[in-house]
Amino acid sequence: MADHSTSHGADVPTPTAVPHAHAPSNAAPAVPHAESNPKRWGRVDEEGNVYVRTADGERLIGVWQAGTPEEGLLHYARRFDDLRTEVELLETRLRSGAGDPKQALASASQLRDGLAEAAAVGDLDALGSRINEVIAHAERALEAARAERDKARTAAIARKQALAEEAETIAAESTQWKAAGDRLRAILDEWKTVKGVDRKTDDELWKRFSKAREGFNRRRGSHFADLDKQRAAAKARKEELIAEAEALSDSEDWGPTAGRYKDLMAEWKAAGRAPKDADDALWQRFRAAQDAFFARRSEVFSERDAEFASNAARKEELLAEADKIDPAANLDAAKAQLRKIQDAWDEIGKVPRERIRELDGRLKAVQDRIRSAEDSKWRRSDPEAQARAAQFRERVEQFEAQAAKARAAGDERRAKKADEQAAQWREWMQAAEQAVAER
């Protein structure tokens, strides 16, 4: 049927739905379909004027001249149902979370603002209450979304602050260059994923992080520049040590040269590391020079040790002969035999260091034995010692004679005194005779 009505008031535009809405806590009562009983909410007078009843009274909404009054009421009732459908759609989208609370609020507000002049027949008061509930629901959803955004923003700011502080600590303190560099790259990657920070705060935090990263890069660059200088100096020093080590490799001054190589090794370690691509090659040259010297020394020492071992065996043979010498049987022959052995001993030469004391000690024992026999013989033939013993014997005889004479004269006191003197000189005589005998 063609619409031949004239309306007072504007039609309300259809709303658009938006996400993240939440269902209202107290939904408005359902608005009944106007078509079921449009006469309850409006009327058409004899002149075709159409009225709607509200709590404020009747309101003229249009003129109907295209049919019967009943048809006119149904026409305006369908317009009311259209408004009601738009409100229900907003409610559904908010409850499901598929609607944008901001857009829902705008659409519901526009519906509410146009309701006072709406050309529709129905329970406009109930519909207005329902629209108010939609608006309240949308406002609560907006507040909740705002709170979520604020919470997310606060968390994002806190995270970027923590990342900036970590970067500043790394820039100021870390000397673990590789690990620290890797961590700064990881911080940058994470930084890009943290969203929701306002532009001003984000720019301030980014400046802190960027400054820290640049500071770390400068400090790391300075460190490696200094390290390059140190390694260049170490390379030059090691080349000097190599030159000396190679010059010494032909030396036959075994002891002092071995000591100098020990000093060179200590200086090598103190020189530090040269550049990585050169350090191993330098070490190989230095070690080759050392090895050449010590290999020659080892060969010479091996030959010498074999010679010294042979000398020790020959000296053991001489010692076996020396042990058979008997100075008591013939001292002169023993002395002659010892001189012969000593001459041969000196001609043999050196023995291993660890056997010198043993072998020399054994030969010295033979020498001491012959010297002791010689001293004993000399003491026995010493004329002064024999004269002293004879003198003591003569004095003993004199006192014994005096004692006998005094006793014959009956002078026991003088006899006893002479006996005591004779006893004293007898002790001295015996000691002198024993000394001569022991020689």
Protein backbone atom coordinates (compact mmCIF):
# COMPACT_ATOMS: atom_id res chain seq x y z
CA MET A 1 0.00 0.00 0.00
CA ALA A 2 1.29 3.43 -0.91
CA ASP A 3 2.15 5.76 1.97
CA HIS A 4 -0.23 8.75 1.69
CA SER A 5 0.40 9.94 5.22
CA THR A 6 1.95 13.19 6.33
CA SER A 7 4.25 12.99 9.37
CA HIS A 8 5.13 15.51 12.05
CA GLY A 9 8.70 14.89 13.23
CA ALA A 10 11.71 13.20 11.67
CA ASP A 11 12.39 9.48 11.22
CA VAL A 12 15.25 8.21 13.43
CA PRO A 13 18.32 6.87 11.49
CA THR A 14 19.26 3.22 11.79
CA PRO A 15 22.14 2.71 14.30
CA THR A 16 25.37 0.87 13.58
CA ALA A 17 26.64 -1.79 15.99
CA VAL A 18 30.03 -1.97 17.72
CA PRO A 19 32.22 -4.42 19.73
CA HIS A 20 33.01 -5.07 23.38
CA ALA A 21 29.66 -4.20 24.91
CA HIS A 22 28.36 -5.76 28.10
CA ALA A 23 24.74 -6.67 28.88
CA PRO A 24 22.92 -4.21 31.18
CA SER A 25 22.38 -5.34 34.71
CA ASN A 26 18.66 -4.47 34.60
CA ALA A 27 17.13 -4.75 31.13
CA ALA A 28 14.09 -2.57 30.37
CA PRO A 29 10.74 -4.33 30.05
CA ALA A 30 9.96 -5.62 26.59
CA VAL A 31 8.00 -3.17 24.41
CA PRO A 32 4.87 -4.79 22.97
CA HIS A 33 4.28 -4.83 19.24
CA ALA A 34 2.09 -1.84 18.42
CA GLU A 35 0.33 -3.73 15.62
CA SER A 36 -1.30 -6.00 18.21
CA ASN A 37 -3.33 -3.14 19.68
CA PRO A 38 -2.53 0.18 18.01
CA LYS A 39 -5.78 1.78 19.27
CA ARG A 40 -4.32 1.61 22.81
CA TRP A 41 -1.52 3.96 21.83
CA GLY A 42 -3.11 6.21 19.20
CA ARG A 43 -6.14 7.34 17.15
CA VAL A 44 -7.17 8.91 13.85
CA ASP A 45 -9.89 11.60 14.03
CA GLU A 46 -12.60 12.35 11.46
CA GLU A 47 -10.35 14.77 9.60
CA GLY A 48 -7.55 12.17 9.27
CA ASN A 49 -5.26 13.60 11.96
CA VAL A 50 -3.16 10.90 13.61
CA TYR A 51 -2.38 11.12 17.34
CA VAL A 52 -0.15 9.09 19.68
CA ARG A 53 -0.78 8.81 23.39
CA THR A 54 2.14 9.30 25.84
CA ALA A 55 2.46 10.05 29.53
CA ASP A 56 2.43 13.73 28.61
CA GLY A 57 -0.82 13.40 26.66
CA GLU A 58 -1.75 13.13 22.99
CA ARG A 59 0.62 14.38 20.30
CA LEU A 60 -0.24 14.98 16.62
CA ILE A 61 2.14 12.93 14.51
CA GLY A 62 0.63 13.10 10.99
CA VAL A 63 -2.39 13.02 8.69
CA TRP A 64 -3.87 9.87 7.16
CA GLN A 65 -6.03 10.17 4.04
CA ALA A 66 -5.12 7.05 2.11
CA GLY A 67 -7.49 4.61 3.74
CA THR A 68 -9.43 3.74 6.84
CA PRO A 69 -8.42 4.97 10.30
CA GLU A 70 -7.48 1.38 11.26
CA GLU A 71 -5.12 1.17 8.31
CA GLY A 72 -3.58 4.49 9.32
CA LEU A 73 -2.97 3.31 12.88
CA LEU A 74 -1.35 0.10 11.56
CA HIS A 75 0.89 2.15 9.29
CA TYR A 76 2.21 4.24 12.19
CA ALA A 77 2.40 1.16 14.42
CA ARG A 78 4.80 -0.46 11.94
CA ARG A 79 6.98 2.65 12.18
CA PHE A 80 7.04 2.12 15.96
CA ASP A 81 8.03 -1.51 15.45
CA ASP A 82 10.90 -0.37 13.26
CA LEU A 83 12.14 1.84 16.11
CA ARG A 84 11.71 -1.01 18.56
CA THR A 85 13.69 -3.33 16.27
CA GLU A 86 16.56 -0.85 16.11
CA VAL A 87 16.65 -0.70 19.92
CA GLU A 88 16.58 -4.52 20.19
CA LEU A 89 19.46 -4.76 17.72
CA LEU A 90 21.52 -2.38 19.87
CA GLU A 91 20.69 -4.42 22.98
CA THR A 92 21.65 -7.69 21.29
CA ARG A 93 24.96 -6.36 20.04
CA LEU A 94 25.88 -4.91 23.42
CA ARG A 95 25.00 -8.13 25.27
CA SER A 96 26.98 -10.28 22.82
CA GLY A 97 30.03 -8.04 22.95
CA ALA A 98 29.97 -7.64 19.19
CA GLY A 99 29.05 -3.99 19.31
CA ASP A 100 31.22 -0.91 19.78
CA PRO A 101 29.96 0.80 22.96
CA LYS A 102 30.84 4.22 21.58
CA GLN A 103 28.82 3.74 18.38
CA ALA A 104 25.97 2.12 20.33
CA LEU A 105 25.88 5.10 22.68
CA ALA A 106 25.72 7.53 19.76
CA SER A 107 22.94 5.57 18.01
CA ALA A 108 20.86 5.18 21.20
CA SER A 109 21.28 8.86 22.05
CA GLN A 110 20.11 9.81 18.56
CA LEU A 111 17.07 7.51 18.94
CA ARG A 112 16.26 9.04 22.31
CA ASP A 113 16.64 12.58 21.02
CA GLY A 114 14.25 11.87 18.15
CA LEU A 115 11.69 9.97 20.20
CA ALA A 116 9.80 13.10 21.30
CA GLU A 117 8.92 13.88 17.68
CA ALA A 118 8.76 10.34 16.33
CA ALA A 119 5.83 9.73 13.92
CA ALA A 120 5.01 6.30 15.34
CA VAL A 121 2.18 4.74 17.32
CA GLY A 122 3.16 2.57 20.25
CA ASP A 123 4.36 2.64 23.85
CA LEU A 124 6.91 5.41 23.31
CA ASP A 125 7.43 5.84 27.06
CA ALA A 126 8.42 2.19 27.50
CA LEU A 127 10.60 2.42 24.40
CA GLY A 128 12.24 5.54 25.87
CA SER A 129 13.02 3.65 29.08
CA ARG A 130 14.48 0.85 27.07
CA ILE A 131 16.63 3.27 25.11
CA ASN A 132 17.85 4.78 28.40
CA GLU A 133 18.91 1.31 29.54
CA VAL A 134 20.80 0.83 26.27
CA ILE A 135 22.53 4.18 26.85
CA ALA A 136 23.42 3.22 30.45
CA HIS A 137 24.71 -0.16 29.26
CA ALA A 138 26.83 1.48 26.57
CA GLU A 139 28.22 3.99 29.09
CA ARG A 140 29.17 1.17 31.47
CA ALA A 141 30.80 -0.71 28.62
CA LEU A 142 32.70 2.42 27.61
CA GLU A 143 33.90 2.93 31.19
CA ALA A 144 34.99 -0.72 31.42
CA ALA A 145 36.80 -0.46 28.08
CA ARG A 146 38.41 2.76 29.25
CA ALA A 147 39.55 1.08 32.47
CA GLU A 148 40.98 -1.84 30.48
CA ARG A 149 42.81 0.58 28.21
CA ASP A 150 44.15 2.47 31.22
CA LYS A 151 45.27 -0.77 32.85
CA ALA A 152 46.93 -1.94 29.64
CA ARG A 153 48.54 1.48 29.18
CA THR A 154 49.86 1.44 32.77
CA ALA A 155 51.28 -2.07 32.26
CA ALA A 156 52.82 -1.08 28.92
CA ILE A 157 54.43 2.03 30.43
CA ALA A 158 55.76 -0.02 33.37
CA ARG A 159 57.22 -2.62 31.01
CA LYS A 160 58.92 -0.05 28.81
CA GLN A 161 60.25 1.72 31.90
CA ALA A 162 61.68 -1.60 33.13
CA LEU A 163 63.25 -2.25 29.71
CA ALA A 164 64.73 1.27 29.63
CA GLU A 165 66.15 0.85 33.16
CA GLU A 166 67.66 -2.52 32.26
CA ALA A 167 69.25 -0.99 29.17
CA GLU A 168 70.67 1.85 31.28
CA THR A 169 72.15 -0.63 33.76
CA ILE A 170 73.72 -2.63 30.94
CA ALA A 171 75.11 0.54 29.37
CA ALA A 172 76.66 1.68 32.66
CA GLU A 173 77.99 -1.58 34.12
CA SER A 174 78.19 -4.59 31.82
CA THR A 175 81.48 -5.78 30.41
CA GLN A 176 80.03 -9.02 29.03
CA TRP A 177 80.01 -7.45 25.58
CA LYS A 178 78.45 -10.23 23.53
CA ALA A 179 75.80 -11.20 26.09
CA ALA A 180 74.97 -7.55 26.76
CA GLY A 181 74.70 -6.76 23.03
CA ASP A 182 72.41 -9.75 22.51
CA ARG A 183 70.25 -8.63 25.43
CA LEU A 184 69.91 -5.09 24.07
CA ARG A 185 68.78 -6.50 20.72
CA ALA A 186 66.22 -8.67 22.55
CA ILE A 187 65.01 -5.61 24.47
CA LEU A 188 64.54 -3.74 21.18
CA ASP A 189 62.53 -6.63 19.73
CA GLU A 190 60.31 -6.74 22.82
CA TRP A 191 59.99 -2.94 22.83
CA LYS A 192 58.37 -3.07 19.40
CA THR A 193 55.70 -5.47 20.66
CA VAL A 194 54.65 -3.32 23.65
CA LYS A 195 51.66 -1.22 22.51
CA GLY A 196 49.24 1.22 24.12
CA VAL A 197 51.62 3.88 25.44
CA ASP A 198 50.72 7.48 24.66
CA ARG A 199 52.97 9.25 22.17
CA LYS A 200 54.57 11.67 24.64
CA THR A 201 55.46 9.01 27.22
CA ASP A 202 56.57 6.59 24.53
CA ASP A 203 58.91 9.19 23.01
CA GLU A 204 60.44 9.96 26.42
CA LEU A 205 61.03 6.28 27.20
CA TRP A 206 62.41 5.65 23.72
CA LYS A 207 64.92 8.47 24.20
CA ARG A 208 66.12 6.82 27.43
CA PHE A 209 66.47 3.43 25.79
CA SER A 210 68.12 4.83 22.66
CA LYS A 211 70.58 6.87 24.74
CA ALA A 212 71.48 3.81 26.82
CA ARG A 213 72.02 1.68 23.73
CA GLU A 214 74.20 4.32 22.10
CA GLY A 215 76.19 4.71 25.33
CA PHE A 216 76.78 0.96 25.49
CA ASN A 217 77.88 0.88 21.85
CA ARG A 218 80.34 3.73 22.44
CA ARG A 219 81.76 2.05 25.55
CA ARG A 220 82.03 -1.30 23.77
CA GLY A 221 83.70 0.36 20.77
CA SER A 222 86.18 2.12 23.03
CA HIS A 223 86.92 -1.16 24.83
CA PHE A 224 87.66 -3.03 21.64
CA ALA A 225 89.71 -0.13 20.28
CA ASP A 226 91.86 -0.27 23.42
CA LEU A 227 91.98 -4.04 23.15
CA ASP A 228 93.20 -3.78 19.57
CA LYS A 229 96.00 -1.48 20.73
CA GLN A 230 96.92 -3.86 23.54
CA ARG A 231 96.94 -6.82 21.19
CA ALA A 232 99.06 -4.95 18.65
CA ALA A 233 101.56 -4.18 21.44
CA ALA A 234 101.42 -7.82 22.58
CA LYS A 235 102.12 -8.97 19.03
CA ALA A 236 105.16 -6.70 18.78
CA ARG A 237 106.46 -7.89 22.15
CA LYS A 238 105.96 -11.54 21.27
CA GLU A 239 107.84 -11.08 18.00
CA GLU A 240 110.77 -9.73 20.05
CA LEU A 241 110.63 -12.77 22.33
CA ILE A 242 110.49 -15.08 19.31
CA ALA A 243 113.60 -13.44 17.85
CA GLU A 244 115.54 -14.06 21.08
CA ALA A 245 114.17 -17.61 21.43
CA GLU A 246 115.22 -18.47 17.87
CA ALA A 247 118.67 -16.97 18.47
CA LEU A 248 119.12 -19.16 21.57
CA SER A 249 117.93 -22.37 19.95
CA ASP A 250 121.50 -23.28 18.79
CA SER A 251 123.10 -22.55 22.17
CA GLU A 252 125.12 -25.25 23.94
CA ASP A 253 125.31 -23.33 27.19
CA TRP A 254 122.66 -25.65 28.53
CA GLY A 255 122.03 -24.40 32.06
CA PRO A 256 121.90 -20.61 31.54
CA THR A 257 120.02 -21.00 28.26
CA ALA A 258 117.38 -23.25 29.84
CA GLY A 259 116.99 -20.65 32.59
CA ARG A 260 116.57 -17.89 30.00
CA TYR A 261 113.91 -19.89 28.19
CA LYS A 262 112.03 -20.14 31.48
CA ASP A 263 112.21 -16.35 31.81
CA LEU A 264 111.07 -15.92 28.20
CA MET A 265 108.03 -18.09 28.91
CA ALA A 266 107.08 -15.88 31.87
CA GLU A 267 107.51 -12.77 29.71
CA TRP A 268 105.40 -14.39 26.97
CA LYS A 269 102.50 -14.91 29.37
CA ALA A 270 102.85 -11.38 30.72
CA ALA A 271 102.72 -9.93 27.20
CA GLY A 272 99.01 -10.81 26.86
CA ARG A 273 97.12 -12.00 23.80
CA ALA A 274 97.95 -10.84 20.30
CA PRO A 275 95.20 -10.56 17.63
CA LYS A 276 93.43 -13.90 17.34
CA ASP A 277 94.48 -14.53 13.74
CA ALA A 278 98.17 -14.07 14.68
CA ASP A 279 98.47 -15.37 18.25
CA ASP A 280 98.46 -19.09 17.41
CA ALA A 281 101.07 -18.64 14.67
CA LEU A 282 103.31 -16.63 17.01
CA TRP A 283 103.05 -19.31 19.67
CA GLN A 284 103.99 -22.04 17.20
CA ARG A 285 107.17 -20.14 16.25
CA PHE A 286 108.10 -19.51 19.88
CA ARG A 287 107.45 -23.11 20.86
CA ALA A 288 109.41 -24.44 17.87
CA ALA A 289 112.48 -22.47 18.97
CA GLN A 290 112.19 -23.83 22.52
CA ASP A 291 111.61 -27.37 21.33
CA ALA A 292 114.67 -27.24 19.08
CA PHE A 293 116.92 -26.23 21.98
CA PHE A 294 115.51 -28.68 24.51
CA ALA A 295 115.54 -31.53 21.99
CA ARG A 296 119.27 -30.97 21.38
CA ARG A 297 119.90 -30.67 25.10
CA SER A 298 117.97 -33.87 25.77
CA GLU A 299 120.00 -35.72 23.15
CA VAL A 300 123.28 -34.45 24.60
CA PHE A 301 122.17 -35.24 28.14
CA SER A 302 121.13 -38.73 27.10
CA GLU A 303 124.57 -39.41 25.65
CA ARG A 304 126.23 -37.89 28.71
CA ASP A 305 124.06 -39.91 31.08
CA ALA A 306 125.03 -43.10 29.26
CA GLU A 307 128.72 -42.14 29.57
CA PHE A 308 128.33 -41.25 33.25
CA ALA A 309 126.57 -44.56 33.95
CA SER A 310 129.46 -46.38 32.33
CA ASN A 311 131.94 -44.39 34.46
CA ALA A 312 130.01 -45.34 37.59
CA ALA A 313 130.26 -49.00 36.67
CA ARG A 314 134.04 -48.70 36.21
CA LYS A 315 134.42 -46.92 39.56
CA GLU A 316 132.44 -49.69 41.23
CA GLU A 317 135.04 -52.12 39.86
CA LEU A 318 137.83 -49.98 41.38
CA LEU A 319 135.99 -49.91 44.71
CA ALA A 320 135.80 -53.70 44.65
CA GLU A 321 139.63 -53.76 44.35
CA ALA A 322 140.01 -51.08 47.05
CA ASP A 323 137.87 -53.05 49.51
CA LYS A 324 140.40 -55.93 49.27
CA ILE A 325 143.37 -53.76 50.44
CA ASP A 326 144.72 -54.90 53.86
CA PRO A 327 146.95 -52.21 55.40
CA ALA A 328 147.61 -54.41 58.43
CA ALA A 329 149.35 -56.97 56.24
CA ASN A 330 151.57 -54.51 54.37
CA LEU A 331 151.00 -50.80 54.87
CA ASP A 332 153.36 -49.64 52.12
CA ALA A 333 151.83 -52.03 49.57
CA ALA A 334 148.36 -50.88 50.62
CA LYS A 335 149.31 -47.22 50.12
CA ALA A 336 150.77 -47.96 46.68
CA GLN A 337 147.65 -49.87 45.68
CA LEU A 338 145.44 -46.98 46.83
CA ARG A 339 147.43 -44.42 44.81
CA LYS A 340 147.04 -46.54 41.73
CA ILE A 341 143.30 -46.81 42.27
CA GLN A 342 143.01 -43.02 42.87
CA ASP A 343 144.84 -42.26 39.62
CA ALA A 344 142.53 -44.56 37.69
CA TRP A 345 139.53 -43.04 39.50
CA ASP A 346 140.41 -39.53 38.36
CA GLU A 347 140.96 -40.66 34.78
CA ILE A 348 137.50 -42.25 34.57
CA GLY A 349 135.73 -38.89 34.99
CA LYS A 350 132.21 -37.93 36.05
CA VAL A 351 129.38 -40.18 37.16
CA PRO A 352 125.61 -39.47 37.45
CA ARG A 353 124.93 -36.68 39.91
CA GLU A 354 122.82 -38.85 42.16
CA ARG A 355 125.71 -41.36 42.62
CA ILE A 356 128.60 -38.94 43.32
CA ARG A 357 128.19 -38.92 47.12
CA GLU A 358 127.75 -42.69 47.34
CA LEU A 359 130.83 -43.61 45.26
CA ASP A 360 133.12 -40.91 46.68
CA GLY A 361 132.03 -41.93 50.19
CA ARG A 362 132.99 -45.53 49.60
CA LEU A 363 136.46 -44.56 48.28
CA LYS A 364 136.97 -42.19 51.20
CA ALA A 365 136.22 -45.03 53.62
CA VAL A 366 139.12 -47.02 52.12
CA GLN A 367 141.38 -43.93 52.31
CA ASP A 368 140.43 -43.39 55.96
CA ARG A 369 141.14 -47.02 56.79
CA ILE A 370 144.68 -46.83 55.33
CA ARG A 371 145.33 -43.42 56.93
CA SER A 372 144.25 -44.79 60.30
CA ALA A 373 146.67 -47.71 59.96
CA GLU A 374 149.45 -45.31 59.00
CA ASP A 375 148.78 -43.06 62.02
CA SER A 376 148.72 -46.04 64.34
CA LYS A 377 152.09 -47.21 63.09
CA TRP A 378 153.61 -43.78 63.50
CA ARG A 379 152.41 -43.52 67.06
CA ARG A 380 153.95 -46.85 67.92
CA SER A 381 157.37 -45.75 66.61
CA ASP A 382 157.29 -42.26 68.19
CA PRO A 383 160.62 -41.93 70.27
CA GLU A 384 159.27 -39.21 72.52
CA ALA A 385 156.32 -41.37 73.57
CA GLN A 386 158.66 -44.32 74.29
CA ALA A 387 161.06 -42.09 76.28
CA ARG A 388 158.17 -40.72 78.32
CA ALA A 389 157.02 -44.25 79.18
CA ALA A 390 160.60 -45.24 80.20
CA GLN A 391 160.88 -42.13 82.38
CA PHE A 392 157.65 -42.99 84.17
CA ARG A 393 158.90 -46.59 84.71
CA GLU A 394 162.14 -45.30 86.22
CA ARG A 395 160.24 -43.09 88.68
CA VAL A 396 158.07 -46.03 89.70
CA GLU A 397 161.18 -48.09 90.43
CA GLN A 398 162.69 -45.24 92.49
CA PHE A 399 159.66 -44.90 94.76
CA GLU A 400 159.34 -48.65 95.14
CA ALA A 401 163.03 -48.77 96.29
CA GLN A 402 162.41 -45.91 98.79
CA ALA A 403 159.40 -47.76 100.20
CA ALA A 404 161.43 -50.96 100.66
CA LYS A 405 164.29 -49.10 102.36
CA ALA A 406 161.91 -47.25 104.75
CA ARG A 407 160.09 -50.42 105.66
CA ALA A 408 163.45 -52.17 106.36
CA ALA A 409 164.33 -49.30 108.68
CA GLY A 410 161.01 -49.71 110.43
CA ASP A 411 159.65 -46.38 109.18
CA GLU A 412 156.23 -47.45 108.06
CA ARG A 413 154.97 -43.91 107.57
CA ARG A 414 157.67 -43.10 104.98
CA ALA A 415 157.18 -46.52 103.38
CA LYS A 416 153.45 -45.91 102.95
CA LYS A 417 154.03 -42.49 101.43
CA ALA A 418 156.57 -43.91 98.97
CA ASP A 419 154.09 -46.66 98.02
CA GLU A 420 151.44 -44.04 97.24
CA GLN A 421 153.86 -42.06 95.04
CA ALA A 422 154.94 -45.23 93.25
CA ALA A 423 151.27 -46.11 92.59
CA GLN A 424 150.62 -42.67 91.06
CA TRP A 425 153.59 -42.88 88.72
CA ARG A 426 152.64 -46.44 87.84
CA GLU A 427 149.26 -45.19 86.51
CA TRP A 428 151.04 -42.58 84.40
CA MET A 429 153.47 -45.19 83.11
CA GLN A 430 150.70 -47.58 82.14
CA ALA A 431 148.85 -44.81 80.27
CA ALA A 432 152.01 -43.89 78.34
CA GLU A 433 152.74 -47.51 77.48
CA GLN A 434 149.14 -48.03 76.33
CA ALA A 435 149.35 -44.96 74.08
CA VAL A 436 152.47 -46.32 72.45
CA ALA A 437 150.83 -49.73 72.00
CA GLU A 438 147.73 -48.25 70.37
CA ARG A 439 149.82 -46.43 67.83
